[in-house]
């Protein structure tokens, strides 16, 4: 029998996604190098991004590796929403003050 935590993780990775709440410096551009700024963002991310984030979180991954996946998830869910000419936008996060990931 799966525990409540395991069930929530399975739902997040297959249908529900995750909610990421973060305060960090976001850089942008083709290489994530354009001038950015500190942002406080809360956004729901897709199940595919949730699965990748949860998989990395379960390993001995570095904060940098986790931040790269979170940046990509936020880029898709927040900055690239509905196209808007931002399809190739690269997002880099640095100076993470707070990162909360919820089911």
C-alpha atoms as a PDB file:
ATOM      1  CA  UNK A   1       0.000   0.000   0.000  1.00  0.00           C
ATOM      2  CA  UNK A   2       1.350   3.425  -0.928  1.00  0.00           C
ATOM      3  CA  UNK A   3       1.742   6.060   1.758  1.00  0.00           C
ATOM      4  CA  UNK A   4       0.055   9.440   1.425  1.00  0.00           C
ATOM      5  CA  UNK A   5       3.424  10.987   0.500  1.00  0.00           C
ATOM      6  CA  UNK A   6       4.058   8.406  -2.198  1.00  0.00           C
ATOM      7  CA  UNK A   7       0.560   8.941  -3.603  1.00  0.00           C
ATOM      8  CA  UNK A   8       1.055  12.716  -3.694  1.00  0.00           C
ATOM      9  CA  UNK A   9       4.406  12.299  -5.447  1.00  0.00           C
ATOM     10  CA  UNK A  10       2.841   9.957  -8.021  1.00  0.00           C
ATOM     11  CA  UNK A  11      -0.029  12.399  -8.706  1.00  0.00           C
ATOM     12  CA  UNK A  12       2.435  15.296  -9.025  1.00  0.00           C
ATOM     13  CA  UNK A  13       4.555  13.397 -11.530  1.00  0.00           C
ATOM     14  CA  UNK A  14       1.651  12.106 -13.614  1.00  0.00           C
ATOM     15  CA  UNK A  15      -1.241  14.563 -13.467  1.00  0.00           C
ATOM     16  CA  UNK A  16      -1.175  17.341 -10.869  1.00  0.00           C
ATOM     17  CA  UNK A  17       2.291  18.871 -11.137  1.00  0.00           C
ATOM     18  CA  UNK A  18       3.864  20.920  -8.354  1.00  0.00           C
ATOM     19  CA  UNK A  19       3.641  24.434  -7.000  1.00  0.00           C
ATOM     20  CA  UNK A  20       6.995  26.205  -6.788  1.00  0.00           C
ATOM     21  CA  UNK A  21       7.383  29.287  -4.643  1.00  0.00           C
ATOM     22  CA  UNK A  22      10.754  30.998  -4.982  1.00  0.00           C
ATOM     23  CA  UNK A  23      12.529  34.231  -4.228  1.00  0.00           C
ATOM     24  CA  UNK A  24      15.682  34.491  -6.329  1.00  0.00           C
ATOM     25  CA  UNK A  25      17.596  36.514  -8.901  1.00  0.00           C
ATOM     26  CA  UNK A  26      16.416  35.629 -12.409  1.00  0.00           C
ATOM     27  CA  UNK A  27      18.702  36.273 -15.400  1.00  0.00           C
ATOM     28  CA  UNK A  28      17.438  36.048 -18.974  1.00  0.00           C
ATOM     29  CA  UNK A  29      18.541  35.884 -22.586  1.00  0.00           C
ATOM     30  CA  UNK A  30      19.860  33.428 -25.097  1.00  0.00           C
ATOM     31  CA  UNK A  31      22.390  32.326 -22.479  1.00  0.00           C
ATOM     32  CA  UNK A  32      20.502  33.574 -19.426  1.00  0.00           C
ATOM     33  CA  UNK A  33      22.903  36.507 -19.360  1.00  0.00           C
ATOM     34  CA  UNK A  34      20.727  39.598 -19.908  1.00  0.00           C
ATOM     35  CA  UNK A  35      20.170  41.856 -16.940  1.00  0.00           C
ATOM     36  CA  UNK A  36      17.676  40.298 -14.610  1.00  0.00           C
ATOM     37  CA  UNK A  37      16.319  41.084 -11.200  1.00  0.00           C
ATOM     38  CA  UNK A  38      15.148  39.624  -7.924  1.00  0.00           C
ATOM     39  CA  UNK A  39      11.670  38.141  -8.220  1.00  0.00           C
ATOM     40  CA  UNK A  40       9.216  36.476  -5.894  1.00  0.00           C
ATOM     41  CA  UNK A  41       7.320  33.909  -7.978  1.00  0.00           C
ATOM     42  CA  UNK A  42       4.723  31.282  -7.177  1.00  0.00           C
ATOM     43  CA  UNK A  43       3.694  29.097 -10.096  1.00  0.00           C
ATOM     44  CA  UNK A  44       2.247  25.667 -10.839  1.00  0.00           C
ATOM     45  CA  UNK A  45       4.501  23.542 -13.040  1.00  0.00           C
ATOM     46  CA  UNK A  46       3.647  20.614 -15.311  1.00  0.00           C
ATOM     47  CA  UNK A  47       3.729  16.972 -14.288  1.00  0.00           C
ATOM     48  CA  UNK A  48       6.728  16.345 -16.581  1.00  0.00           C
ATOM     49  CA  UNK A  49       8.727  19.053 -14.811  1.00  0.00           C
ATOM     50  CA  UNK A  50       7.464  17.760 -11.458  1.00  0.00           C
ATOM     51  CA  UNK A  51       8.715  14.257 -12.257  1.00  0.00           C
ATOM     52  CA  UNK A  52      12.185  15.546 -13.171  1.00  0.00           C
ATOM     53  CA  UNK A  53      12.427  17.752 -10.067  1.00  0.00           C
ATOM     54  CA  UNK A  54      11.279  14.963  -7.737  1.00  0.00           C
ATOM     55  CA  UNK A  55      13.701  12.480  -9.319  1.00  0.00           C
ATOM     56  CA  UNK A  56      16.663  14.835  -8.831  1.00  0.00           C
ATOM     57  CA  UNK A  57      15.555  15.728  -5.335  1.00  0.00           C
ATOM     58  CA  UNK A  58      15.698  12.025  -4.405  1.00  0.00           C
ATOM     59  CA  UNK A  59      19.334  11.711  -5.486  1.00  0.00           C
ATOM     60  CA  UNK A  60      22.462  13.307  -4.148  1.00  0.00           C
ATOM     61  CA  UNK A  61      22.097  16.114  -6.696  1.00  0.00           C
ATOM     62  CA  UNK A  62      23.614  19.482  -5.956  1.00  0.00           C
ATOM     63  CA  UNK A  63      21.568  22.616  -5.331  1.00  0.00           C
ATOM     64  CA  UNK A  64      22.814  23.856  -8.695  1.00  0.00           C
ATOM     65  CA  UNK A  65      21.355  20.825 -10.490  1.00  0.00           C
ATOM     66  CA  UNK A  66      18.030  21.281  -8.711  1.00  0.00           C
ATOM     67  CA  UNK A  67      18.039  25.021  -9.470  1.00  0.00           C
ATOM     68  CA  UNK A  68      18.621  24.315 -13.182  1.00  0.00           C
ATOM     69  CA  UNK A  69      15.512  22.093 -13.315  1.00  0.00           C
ATOM     70  CA  UNK A  70      13.466  24.588 -11.305  1.00  0.00           C
ATOM     71  CA  UNK A  71      14.590  27.404 -13.630  1.00  0.00           C
ATOM     72  CA  UNK A  72      13.475  25.423 -16.689  1.00  0.00           C
ATOM     73  CA  UNK A  73      10.112  24.573 -15.084  1.00  0.00           C
ATOM     74  CA  UNK A  74       9.509  28.214 -14.146  1.00  0.00           C
ATOM     75  CA  UNK A  75      10.612  29.361 -17.608  1.00  0.00           C
ATOM     76  CA  UNK A  76       7.952  27.154 -19.208  1.00  0.00           C
ATOM     77  CA  UNK A  77       5.176  27.909 -16.733  1.00  0.00           C
ATOM     78  CA  UNK A  78       5.775  31.609 -16.101  1.00  0.00           C
ATOM     79  CA  UNK A  79       7.987  33.308 -18.674  1.00  0.00           C
ATOM     80  CA  UNK A  80       7.171  31.353 -21.864  1.00  0.00           C
ATOM     81  CA  UNK A  81       3.411  31.148 -21.323  1.00  0.00           C
ATOM     82  CA  UNK A  82       1.417  31.496 -24.560  1.00  0.00           C
ATOM     83  CA  UNK A  83       4.534  32.023 -26.658  1.00  0.00           C
ATOM     84  CA  UNK A  84       4.842  35.774 -26.838  1.00  0.00           C
ATOM     85  CA  UNK A  85       8.110  35.457 -28.759  1.00  0.00           C
ATOM     86  CA  UNK A  86       9.839  33.935 -25.761  1.00  0.00           C
ATOM     87  CA  UNK A  87      10.056  30.337 -26.959  1.00  0.00           C
ATOM     88  CA  UNK A  88      13.867  30.332 -26.891  1.00  0.00           C
ATOM     89  CA  UNK A  89      14.214  32.318 -23.681  1.00  0.00           C
ATOM     90  CA  UNK A  90      16.813  30.892 -21.290  1.00  0.00           C
ATOM     91  CA  UNK A  91      16.273  31.492 -17.595  1.00  0.00           C
ATOM     92  CA  UNK A  92      18.987  31.301 -14.956  1.00  0.00           C
ATOM     93  CA  UNK A  93      18.369  31.534 -11.228  1.00  0.00           C
ATOM     94  CA  UNK A  94      20.948  32.683  -8.709  1.00  0.00           C
ATOM     95  CA  UNK A  95      21.017  34.004  -5.165  1.00  0.00           C
ATOM     96  CA  UNK A  96      18.111  31.814  -4.105  1.00  0.00           C
ATOM     97  CA  UNK A  97      16.709  33.233  -0.898  1.00  0.00           C
ATOM     98  CA  UNK A  98      13.764  30.863  -0.644  1.00  0.00           C
ATOM     99  CA  UNK A  99      12.645  27.772  -2.549  1.00  0.00           C
ATOM    100  CA  UNK A 100       9.523  25.866  -1.511  1.00  0.00           C
ATOM    101  CA  UNK A 101       8.130  22.981  -3.516  1.00  0.00           C
ATOM    102  CA  UNK A 102       4.636  21.766  -2.656  1.00  0.00           C
ATOM    103  CA  UNK A 103       2.265  19.101  -3.936  1.00  0.00           C
END
